[in-house]
C-alpha atoms as a PDB file:
ATOM      1  CA  MET A   1     -29.620   5.183   9.585  1.00  0.00           C
ATOM      2  CA  ALA A   2     -26.576   7.160   8.446  1.00  0.00           C
ATOM      3  CA  LYS A   3     -26.335   9.329   5.342  1.00  0.00           C
ATOM      4  CA  LEU A   4     -23.313   8.752   3.142  1.00  0.00           C
ATOM      5  CA  LEU A   5     -22.321  11.432   0.599  1.00  0.00           C
ATOM      6  CA  TYR A   6     -20.163  10.152  -2.281  1.00  0.00           C
ATOM      7  CA  ILE A   7     -18.382  13.053  -3.973  1.00  0.00           C
ATOM      8  CA  LYS A   8     -16.896  12.374  -7.400  1.00  0.00           C
ATOM      9  CA  ALA A   9     -14.227  14.835  -8.496  1.00  0.00           C
ATOM     10  CA  SER A  10     -13.247  13.085 -11.761  1.00  0.00           C
ATOM     11  CA  PRO A  11     -14.925  13.582 -15.127  1.00  0.00           C
ATOM     12  CA  ARG A  12     -13.469  10.325 -16.559  1.00  0.00           C
ATOM     13  CA  GLU A  13     -16.247   8.149 -15.111  1.00  0.00           C
ATOM     14  CA  ARG A  14     -15.533   4.487 -16.015  1.00  0.00           C
ATOM     15  CA  ARG A  15     -11.937   5.263 -16.967  1.00  0.00           C
ATOM     16  CA  SER A  16     -11.227   6.932 -13.628  1.00  0.00           C
ATOM     17  CA  HIS A  17      -8.954   5.062 -11.263  1.00  0.00           C
ATOM     18  CA  SER A  18     -10.003   7.136  -8.262  1.00  0.00           C
ATOM     19  CA  VAL A  19     -13.672   6.406  -9.025  1.00  0.00           C
ATOM     20  CA  ALA A  20     -12.942   2.685  -9.402  1.00  0.00           C
ATOM     21  CA  VAL A  21     -11.409   2.589  -5.907  1.00  0.00           C
ATOM     22  CA  ALA A  22     -14.127   4.757  -4.363  1.00  0.00           C
ATOM     23  CA  ASP A  23     -16.846   2.671  -6.061  1.00  0.00           C
ATOM     24  CA  ALA A  24     -15.336  -0.450  -4.489  1.00  0.00           C
ATOM     25  CA  PHE A  25     -15.381   1.233  -1.079  1.00  0.00           C
ATOM     26  CA  VAL A  26     -19.008   2.254  -1.509  1.00  0.00           C
ATOM     27  CA  GLU A  27     -20.028  -1.181  -2.678  1.00  0.00           C
ATOM     28  CA  ALA A  28     -18.418  -2.829   0.359  1.00  0.00           C
ATOM     29  CA  TYR A  29     -19.909  -0.179   2.677  1.00  0.00           C
ATOM     30  CA  ARG A  30     -23.424  -0.701   1.334  1.00  0.00           C
ATOM     31  CA  ALA A  31     -23.053  -4.479   1.782  1.00  0.00           C
ATOM     32  CA  ALA A  32     -22.160  -3.861   5.438  1.00  0.00           C
ATOM     33  CA  HIS A  33     -24.756  -1.083   5.961  1.00  0.00           C
ATOM     34  CA  PRO A  34     -27.715  -1.875   3.648  1.00  0.00           C
ATOM     35  CA  SER A  35     -30.100   0.467   5.469  1.00  0.00           C
ATOM     36  CA  ASP A  36     -27.913   3.553   5.172  1.00  0.00           C
ATOM     37  CA  GLU A  37     -28.775   6.279   2.653  1.00  0.00           C
ATOM     38  CA  LEU A  38     -26.365   6.886  -0.217  1.00  0.00           C
ATOM     39  CA  ARG A  39     -26.243  10.011  -2.346  1.00  0.00           C
ATOM     40  CA  THR A  40     -23.750  10.739  -5.094  1.00  0.00           C
ATOM     41  CA  LEU A  41     -22.571  14.200  -6.031  1.00  0.00           C
ATOM     42  CA  ASP A  42     -20.759  14.355  -9.358  1.00  0.00           C
ATOM     43  CA  LEU A  43     -18.956  17.696  -9.251  1.00  0.00           C
ATOM     44  CA  PHE A  44     -18.494  17.838 -13.023  1.00  0.00           C
ATOM     45  CA  ARG A  45     -22.262  17.524 -13.507  1.00  0.00           C
ATOM     46  CA  ALA A  46     -23.442  19.453 -10.472  1.00  0.00           C
ATOM     47  CA  ASP A  47     -24.826  22.977 -10.886  1.00  0.00           C
ATOM     48  CA  LEU A  48     -22.454  24.638  -8.445  1.00  0.00           C
ATOM     49  CA  PRO A  49     -22.881  28.364  -7.920  1.00  0.00           C
ATOM     50  CA  ALA A  50     -19.979  30.509  -9.077  1.00  0.00           C
ATOM     51  CA  PHE A  51     -17.947  31.894  -6.138  1.00  0.00           C
ATOM     52  CA  ASP A  52     -17.446  35.118  -7.984  1.00  0.00           C
ATOM     53  CA  GLY A  53     -17.395  38.782  -7.170  1.00  0.00           C
ATOM     54  CA  LEU A  54     -20.975  38.918  -5.968  1.00  0.00           C
ATOM     55  CA  ALA A  55     -20.622  35.877  -3.678  1.00  0.00           C
ATOM     56  CA  VAL A  56     -17.354  37.209  -2.318  1.00  0.00           C
ATOM     57  CA  GLN A  57     -18.983  40.613  -1.639  1.00  0.00           C
ATOM     58  CA  ALA A  58     -21.847  38.877   0.108  1.00  0.00           C
ATOM     59  CA  LYS A  59     -19.379  37.026   2.303  1.00  0.00           C
ATOM     60  CA  TYR A  60     -17.611  40.263   3.329  1.00  0.00           C
ATOM     61  CA  THR A  61     -20.953  41.972   3.936  1.00  0.00           C
ATOM     62  CA  ILE A  62     -21.565  39.319   6.634  1.00  0.00           C
ATOM     63  CA  LEU A  63     -18.047  39.674   8.027  1.00  0.00           C
ATOM     64  CA  HIS A  64     -18.476  43.433   8.359  1.00  0.00           C
ATOM     65  CA  GLY A  65     -21.899  43.059  10.008  1.00  0.00           C
ATOM     66  CA  ASN A  66     -23.821  44.765   7.264  1.00  0.00           C
ATOM     67  CA  GLN A  67     -27.065  43.900   5.481  1.00  0.00           C
ATOM     68  CA  HIS A  68     -27.085  42.119   2.125  1.00  0.00           C
ATOM     69  CA  THR A  69     -28.473  43.760  -0.950  1.00  0.00           C
ATOM     70  CA  ALA A  70     -31.076  41.686  -2.790  1.00  0.00           C
ATOM     71  CA  GLU A  71     -28.477  40.545  -5.279  1.00  0.00           C
ATOM     72  CA  GLU A  72     -26.020  39.576  -2.538  1.00  0.00           C
ATOM     73  CA  ARG A  73     -28.736  37.755  -0.643  1.00  0.00           C
ATOM     74  CA  ALA A  74     -29.606  35.623  -3.685  1.00  0.00           C
ATOM     75  CA  ALA A  75     -25.931  34.824  -4.296  1.00  0.00           C
ATOM     76  CA  TRP A  76     -25.377  33.893  -0.674  1.00  0.00           C
ATOM     77  CA  ARG A  77     -28.438  31.714  -0.460  1.00  0.00           C
ATOM     78  CA  ALA A  78     -27.013  29.592  -3.304  1.00  0.00           C
ATOM     79  CA  VAL A  79     -23.767  29.240  -1.296  1.00  0.00           C
ATOM     80  CA  GLU A  80     -25.713  28.334   1.878  1.00  0.00           C
ATOM     81  CA  ALA A  81     -27.654  25.655  -0.004  1.00  0.00           C
ATOM     82  CA  VAL A  82     -24.456  23.850  -0.998  1.00  0.00           C
ATOM     83  CA  ILE A  83     -23.112  24.057   2.579  1.00  0.00           C
ATOM     84  CA  THR A  84     -26.371  22.785   4.063  1.00  0.00           C
ATOM     85  CA  ASP A  85     -26.424  19.896   1.643  1.00  0.00           C
ATOM     86  CA  PHE A  86     -22.852  18.960   2.507  1.00  0.00           C
ATOM     87  CA  LYS A  87     -23.329  19.134   6.265  1.00  0.00           C
ATOM     88  CA  ALA A  88     -26.489  17.044   6.105  1.00  0.00           C
ATOM     89  CA  ALA A  89     -24.354  13.944   5.553  1.00  0.00           C
ATOM     90  CA  ASP A  90     -22.966  11.765   8.332  1.00  0.00           C
ATOM     91  CA  LYS A  91     -20.121  10.182   6.350  1.00  0.00           C
ATOM     92  CA  TYR A  92     -18.196  11.123   3.223  1.00  0.00           C
ATOM     93  CA  VAL A  93     -16.464   9.316   0.342  1.00  0.00           C
ATOM     94  CA  LEU A  94     -14.421  11.229  -2.209  1.00  0.00           C
ATOM     95  CA  ALA A  95     -12.871  10.143  -5.483  1.00  0.00           C
ATOM     96  CA  VAL A  96     -10.021  12.569  -6.283  1.00  0.00           C
ATOM     97  CA  PRO A  97      -7.524  12.385  -9.165  1.00  0.00           C
ATOM     98  CA  MET A  98      -4.334  14.454  -9.182  1.00  0.00           C
ATOM     99  CA  TRP A  99      -4.363  17.270 -11.723  1.00  0.00           C
ATOM    100  CA  ASN A 100      -1.066  19.173 -12.142  1.00  0.00           C
ATOM    101  CA  PHE A 101       0.083  18.044  -8.705  1.00  0.00           C
ATOM    102  CA  GLY A 102      -3.147  19.309  -7.088  1.00  0.00           C
ATOM    103  CA  ILE A 103      -6.882  18.710  -7.168  1.00  0.00           C
ATOM    104  CA  PRO A 104      -9.357  19.251 -10.053  1.00  0.00           C
ATOM    105  CA  TYR A 105     -10.712  22.765 -10.340  1.00  0.00           C
ATOM    106  CA  ARG A 106     -14.300  21.676  -9.712  1.00  0.00           C
ATOM    107  CA  LEU A 107     -13.328  20.238  -6.324  1.00  0.00           C
ATOM    108  CA  LYS A 108     -11.465  23.476  -5.525  1.00  0.00           C
ATOM    109  CA  GLN A 109     -14.598  25.436  -6.429  1.00  0.00           C
ATOM    110  CA  TYR A 110     -16.669  23.163  -4.179  1.00  0.00           C
ATOM    111  CA  LEU A 111     -14.275  23.694  -1.299  1.00  0.00           C
ATOM    112  CA  ASP A 112     -14.239  27.453  -1.857  1.00  0.00           C
ATOM    113  CA  ILE A 113     -18.023  27.407  -1.434  1.00  0.00           C
ATOM    114  CA  LEU A 114     -17.964  25.134   1.607  1.00  0.00           C
ATOM    115  CA  ILE A 115     -15.200  26.740   3.712  1.00  0.00           C
ATOM    116  CA  GLN A 116     -17.035  29.705   5.154  1.00  0.00           C
ATOM    117  CA  PRO A 117     -16.794  31.308   8.626  1.00  0.00           C
ATOM    118  CA  GLY A 118     -19.753  30.521  10.843  1.00  0.00           C
ATOM    119  CA  TYR A 119     -20.745  27.585   8.672  1.00  0.00           C
ATOM    120  CA  THR A 120     -17.855  25.084   8.564  1.00  0.00           C
ATOM    121  CA  PHE A 121     -15.331  26.869  10.803  1.00  0.00           C
ATOM    122  CA  SER A 122     -15.197  29.591  13.398  1.00  0.00           C
ATOM    123  CA  TYR A 123     -12.486  31.946  14.613  1.00  0.00           C
ATOM    124  CA  ASP A 124     -11.709  33.215  18.113  1.00  0.00           C
ATOM    125  CA  PRO A 125      -8.868  35.672  18.775  1.00  0.00           C
ATOM    126  CA  GLU A 126      -7.706  33.565  21.717  1.00  0.00           C
ATOM    127  CA  LYS A 127      -8.441  30.063  20.468  1.00  0.00           C
ATOM    128  CA  GLY A 128      -7.821  30.616  16.780  1.00  0.00           C
ATOM    129  CA  TYR A 129      -9.649  28.558  14.141  1.00  0.00           C
ATOM    130  CA  THR A 130     -12.086  25.766  15.050  1.00  0.00           C
ATOM    131  CA  GLY A 131     -13.692  23.361  12.581  1.00  0.00           C
ATOM    132  CA  LEU A 132     -17.445  22.996  12.837  1.00  0.00           C
ATOM    133  CA  VAL A 133     -17.946  19.792  10.838  1.00  0.00           C
ATOM    134  CA  THR A 134     -17.008  17.272  13.521  1.00  0.00           C
ATOM    135  CA  GLY A 135     -17.527  13.645  14.403  1.00  0.00           C
ATOM    136  CA  LYS A 136     -17.872  12.601  10.786  1.00  0.00           C
ATOM    137  CA  PRO A 137     -15.447  10.227   8.994  1.00  0.00           C
ATOM    138  CA  ALA A 138     -14.208  10.651   5.431  1.00  0.00           C
ATOM    139  CA  PHE A 139     -12.629   8.205   3.011  1.00  0.00           C
ATOM    140  CA  VAL A 140     -10.677   9.546   0.013  1.00  0.00           C
ATOM    141  CA  ALA A 141      -9.548   7.541  -3.002  1.00  0.00           C
ATOM    142  CA  TYR A 142      -6.579   9.310  -4.601  1.00  0.00           C
ATOM    143  CA  ALA A 143      -5.227   8.484  -8.052  1.00  0.00           C
ATOM    144  CA  ARG A 144      -2.002   9.843  -9.656  1.00  0.00           C
ATOM    145  CA  GLY A 145      -0.334   9.300 -13.002  1.00  0.00           C
ATOM    146  CA  GLY A 146       3.091   9.507 -11.337  1.00  0.00           C
ATOM    147  CA  GLU A 147       4.389   8.268  -8.035  1.00  0.00           C
ATOM    148  CA  TYR A 148       4.934  10.494  -4.982  1.00  0.00           C
ATOM    149  CA  PRO A 149       5.655   8.240  -1.997  1.00  0.00           C
ATOM    150  CA  GLU A 150       6.147   9.725   1.459  1.00  0.00           C
ATOM    151  CA  GLY A 151       9.733  10.183   2.472  1.00  0.00           C
ATOM    152  CA  THR A 152      11.019  10.577  -1.083  1.00  0.00           C
ATOM    153  CA  PRO A 153      11.880  13.720  -3.112  1.00  0.00           C
ATOM    154  CA  GLY A 154       8.664  13.117  -5.083  1.00  0.00           C
ATOM    155  CA  GLU A 155       6.576  13.779  -1.989  1.00  0.00           C
ATOM    156  CA  ALA A 156       7.190  17.499  -2.378  1.00  0.00           C
ATOM    157  CA  TYR A 157       5.091  17.472  -5.587  1.00  0.00           C
ATOM    158  CA  ASP A 158       2.067  16.025  -3.820  1.00  0.00           C
ATOM    159  CA  LEU A 159      -0.206  19.020  -3.381  1.00  0.00           C
ATOM    160  CA  GLN A 160      -3.256  16.815  -3.858  1.00  0.00           C
ATOM    161  CA  LYS A 161      -3.506  14.709  -0.704  1.00  0.00           C
ATOM    162  CA  LYS A 162      -1.810  17.326   1.482  1.00  0.00           C
ATOM    163  CA  TYR A 163      -4.152  20.105   0.434  1.00  0.00           C
ATOM    164  CA  LEU A 164      -7.362  18.080   0.679  1.00  0.00           C
ATOM    165  CA  GLU A 165      -6.500  16.760   4.118  1.00  0.00           C
ATOM    166  CA  LEU A 166      -5.668  20.287   5.236  1.00  0.00           C
ATOM    167  CA  ALA A 167      -8.979  21.593   3.887  1.00  0.00           C
ATOM    168  CA  LEU A 168     -10.986  18.791   5.506  1.00  0.00           C
ATOM    169  CA  GLY A 169      -9.088  19.139   8.751  1.00  0.00           C
ATOM    170  CA  PHE A 170      -9.722  22.902   8.752  1.00  0.00           C
ATOM    171  CA  MET A 171     -13.463  22.170   8.623  1.00  0.00           C
ATOM    172  CA  GLY A 172     -13.167  19.821  11.574  1.00  0.00           C
ATOM    173  CA  PHE A 173     -12.526  16.366  10.128  1.00  0.00           C
ATOM    174  CA  THR A 174     -10.205  14.228  12.267  1.00  0.00           C
ATOM    175  CA  ASP A 175     -11.034  10.768  10.931  1.00  0.00           C
ATOM    176  CA  ILE A 176      -9.725  10.849   7.364  1.00  0.00           C
ATOM    177  CA  ARG A 177      -8.922   7.481   5.772  1.00  0.00           C
ATOM    178  CA  SER A 178      -7.498   6.997   2.323  1.00  0.00           C
ATOM    179  CA  ALA A 179      -6.229   4.688  -0.389  1.00  0.00           C
ATOM    180  CA  VAL A 180      -3.739   5.935  -2.928  1.00  0.00           C
ATOM    181  CA  VAL A 181      -3.392   4.355  -6.354  1.00  0.00           C
ATOM    182  CA  GLU A 182      -0.181   5.244  -8.202  1.00  0.00           C
ATOM    183  CA  PRO A 183       1.513   5.310 -10.698  1.00  0.00           C
ATOM    184  CA  MET A 184      -1.301   4.985 -13.203  1.00  0.00           C
ATOM    185  CA  LEU A 185       0.755   6.138 -16.217  1.00  0.00           C
ATOM    186  CA  MET A 186       4.474   6.086 -15.504  1.00  0.00           C
ATOM    187  CA  GLY A 187       4.701   2.404 -14.667  1.00  0.00           C
ATOM    188  CA  GLY A 188       2.705   1.057 -17.621  1.00  0.00           C
ATOM    189  CA  PRO A 189      -0.640  -0.804 -17.743  1.00  0.00           C
ATOM    190  CA  ASP A 190       0.514  -3.911 -15.823  1.00  0.00           C
ATOM    191  CA  VAL A 191       1.740  -1.855 -12.864  1.00  0.00           C
ATOM    192  CA  ALA A 192      -1.353   0.298 -12.976  1.00  0.00           C
ATOM    193  CA  ALA A 193      -3.651  -2.739 -12.827  1.00  0.00           C
ATOM    194  CA  LYS A 194      -1.698  -4.225  -9.945  1.00  0.00           C
ATOM    195  CA  ARG A 195      -1.726  -0.985  -7.954  1.00  0.00           C
ATOM    196  CA  GLN A 196      -5.424  -0.447  -8.574  1.00  0.00           C
ATOM    197  CA  ALA A 197      -6.218  -3.939  -7.352  1.00  0.00           C
ATOM    198  CA  GLU A 198      -4.205  -3.286  -4.200  1.00  0.00           C
ATOM    199  CA  ALA A 199      -5.955   0.014  -3.582  1.00  0.00           C
ATOM    200  CA  ILE A 200      -9.378  -1.556  -4.106  1.00  0.00           C
ATOM    201  CA  ALA A 201      -8.518  -4.321  -1.566  1.00  0.00           C
ATOM    202  CA  LYS A 202      -7.470  -1.670   0.946  1.00  0.00           C
ATOM    203  CA  ALA A 203     -10.626   0.358   0.293  1.00  0.00           C
ATOM    204  CA  LYS A 204     -12.842  -2.655   0.863  1.00  0.00           C
ATOM    205  CA  ALA A 205     -11.084  -3.463   4.106  1.00  0.00           C
ATOM    206  CA  LEU A 206     -11.469   0.157   5.337  1.00  0.00           C
ATOM    207  CA  ALA A 207     -15.179   0.139   4.434  1.00  0.00           C
ATOM    208  CA  ALA A 208     -15.842  -2.667   6.877  1.00  0.00           C
ATOM    209  CA  THR A 209     -15.209  -0.391   9.844  1.00  0.00           C
ATOM    210  CA  PHE A 210     -16.345   2.914   8.414  1.00  0.00           C
END
């Protein structure tokens, strides 16, 4: 039995296009794998620890080989708990809207917590960086108000998909599948509905072999 972690990075819930596509993927996946365990993490409702000065200091205390103070230890345990929870999953689904050409700040906070040396990546002076979260597939549903197709001038503005795939790849992910739904605003409601239906169809097809 596999564990599927569904990470929602949109606060719009039923009005979210990325969530609609990711929900369709999850529904198709559950139909194909009824015995697998599904857990949903809504980043805008989750009690994520702040990666603030104390947490950063705790990180550098480890990097310098020193002992944590009691305050640092408490801050770092909260970070470790999030990382442990993330790594406990076998497969991942993410619903990610584009905000100002990038990703929502709550997803960035989550990644800042997760991407830690010795936990999700390692470094060797000769080999460089190595991701530690390996052998696990991820599906990402991306939604954008505009349109940023590959091979066009608009692609330069896409710091959403590029950044997230870089971050996941840095942690060790090599099997990253996706469905992009765009433009959700610029083309009008008819175009948005058509593109969402196409993205949902693609998501369902990808779920069959996930």
